[in-house]
Protein backbone atom coordinates (compact mmCIF):
# COMPACT_ATOMS: atom_id res chain seq x y z
CA MET A 1 141.77 47.26 7.05
CA SER A 2 140.15 50.38 5.65
CA THR A 3 141.36 53.82 6.92
CA PRO A 4 138.58 55.86 8.53
CA TRP A 5 137.80 59.30 7.10
CA SER A 6 138.26 60.79 10.64
CA SER A 7 141.88 59.50 10.66
CA ILE A 8 142.43 61.05 7.15
CA ALA A 9 140.96 64.24 8.37
CA CYS A 10 143.20 64.34 11.33
CA PHE A 11 146.36 63.87 9.15
CA ALA A 12 145.14 66.58 6.68
CA ALA A 13 144.63 68.96 9.43
CA ALA A 14 148.10 67.97 10.85
CA ALA A 15 149.53 68.88 7.37
CA LEU A 16 148.07 72.26 7.44
CA VAL A 17 149.02 72.93 11.13
CA GLY A 18 152.50 71.78 10.43
CA ALA A 19 152.96 74.08 7.45
CA ILE A 20 151.73 76.97 9.73
CA GLY A 21 154.32 75.87 12.29
CA GLN A 22 157.09 75.99 9.57
CA PHE A 23 155.99 79.60 8.74
CA LEU A 24 156.00 80.56 12.31
CA TYR A 25 159.52 79.07 12.77
CA LYS A 26 160.72 81.17 9.75
CA SER A 27 159.14 84.35 10.86
CA GLY A 28 160.18 83.87 14.39
CA ALA A 29 163.83 83.14 13.27
CA ASP A 30 163.70 86.35 11.14
CA ARG A 31 162.89 88.30 14.32
CA ALA A 32 165.39 86.66 16.63
CA THR A 33 168.35 88.69 17.46
CA GLY A 34 170.73 85.79 18.28
CA GLY A 35 170.57 85.88 22.08
CA TRP A 36 169.06 82.86 23.86
CA THR A 37 166.12 85.03 25.18
CA SER A 38 165.38 86.13 21.72
CA TYR A 39 164.61 82.42 20.93
CA LEU A 40 162.88 81.47 24.23
CA LEU A 41 160.66 84.43 24.47
CA ASN A 42 159.74 84.73 20.83
CA VAL A 43 156.06 84.34 20.46
CA ARG A 44 156.33 83.18 16.91
CA LEU A 45 158.83 80.40 17.73
CA LEU A 46 156.65 79.37 20.59
CA GLY A 47 153.67 79.25 18.29
CA GLY A 48 155.61 77.02 15.99
CA VAL A 49 156.35 74.56 18.87
CA ALA A 50 152.72 74.64 19.77
CA CYS A 51 151.82 73.73 16.25
CA TYR A 52 154.18 70.79 16.26
CA ILE A 53 152.78 69.63 19.53
CA ALA A 54 149.28 69.99 17.93
CA VAL A 55 150.45 67.89 15.01
CA MET A 56 151.61 65.14 17.33
CA VAL A 57 148.19 65.13 19.13
CA LEU A 58 146.47 64.87 15.80
CA PHE A 59 148.66 61.95 14.84
CA VAL A 60 147.85 60.06 18.01
CA ALA A 61 144.09 60.85 17.58
CA ALA A 62 144.31 59.62 13.99
CA PHE A 63 146.17 56.44 15.04
CA LYS A 64 143.61 55.77 17.77
CA ARG A 65 140.89 55.78 15.33
CA GLY A 66 142.82 53.32 13.06
CA GLY A 67 144.05 53.16 9.64
CA SER A 68 147.05 52.35 7.49
CA LEU A 69 150.22 54.22 7.86
CA ALA A 70 150.73 53.74 3.97
CA VAL A 71 147.58 55.90 3.58
CA LEU A 72 148.09 58.45 6.32
CA TYR A 73 151.59 59.47 6.08
CA PRO A 74 151.49 60.46 2.36
CA ILE A 75 148.67 62.71 3.31
CA TYR A 76 151.05 64.46 5.72
CA SER A 77 153.50 65.04 2.79
CA SER A 78 151.03 67.77 1.70
CA THR A 79 152.75 69.79 4.36
CA PHE A 80 155.18 70.97 1.72
CA ILE A 81 152.44 72.16 -0.57
CA TRP A 82 150.87 74.10 2.27
CA ALA A 83 154.26 75.63 3.15
CA ALA A 84 154.84 76.67 -0.51
CA GLY A 85 151.42 78.32 -0.63
CA ILE A 86 152.01 80.16 2.64
CA SER A 87 155.43 81.26 1.34
CA TRP A 88 153.83 82.50 -1.89
CA TRP A 89 151.12 84.32 -0.02
CA VAL A 90 153.13 85.85 2.79
CA TYR A 91 156.57 86.36 1.26
CA SER A 92 155.52 86.67 -2.38
CA GLN A 93 157.80 83.90 -3.31
CA PRO A 94 157.14 82.78 -6.87
CA LEU A 95 156.00 79.24 -7.45
CA LYS A 96 157.90 78.09 -10.54
CA PRO A 97 156.75 75.38 -12.98
CA LEU A 98 159.09 72.93 -11.48
CA ASN A 99 157.63 73.64 -8.01
CA ILE A 100 154.15 72.97 -9.39
CA ALA A 101 155.40 69.81 -10.95
CA GLY A 102 156.82 68.53 -7.63
CA MET A 103 153.53 69.27 -5.97
CA LEU A 104 151.69 67.44 -8.63
CA CYS A 105 154.11 64.48 -8.05
CA LEU A 106 153.37 64.66 -4.29
CA VAL A 107 149.61 64.52 -4.95
CA LEU A 108 150.01 61.57 -7.39
CA GLY A 109 152.15 59.83 -4.91
CA MET A 110 149.46 60.34 -2.19
CA TYR A 111 146.84 58.92 -4.48
CA LEU A 112 148.84 55.96 -5.47
CA MET A 113 149.95 55.21 -1.77
CA GLY A 114 146.36 55.43 -0.67
CA ARG A 115 145.17 52.86 -3.26
């Protein structure tokens, strides 16, 4: 069974939205003061939760269209690449050669899993 491009697109979008959710969790945690209201009323943390709900909706939409788990889930692993890029852009965290090598391994793995 071939995996439809629409399913692949849903998982690629889920990867980006998931990385944004990770950023929102990090930035929300940085702003939280420790009290329960600082977590429950934290707009960034709530945005992170919304991102992960969107990820699940994209997963369901992709699965409804069909496709192989062996093709789709490796695409979602690109979330780690997106998160590293957001971290570099927002927090100026350096991307070291070892980080780049790991990202290349992820991309190669996604390619090999999709074949």
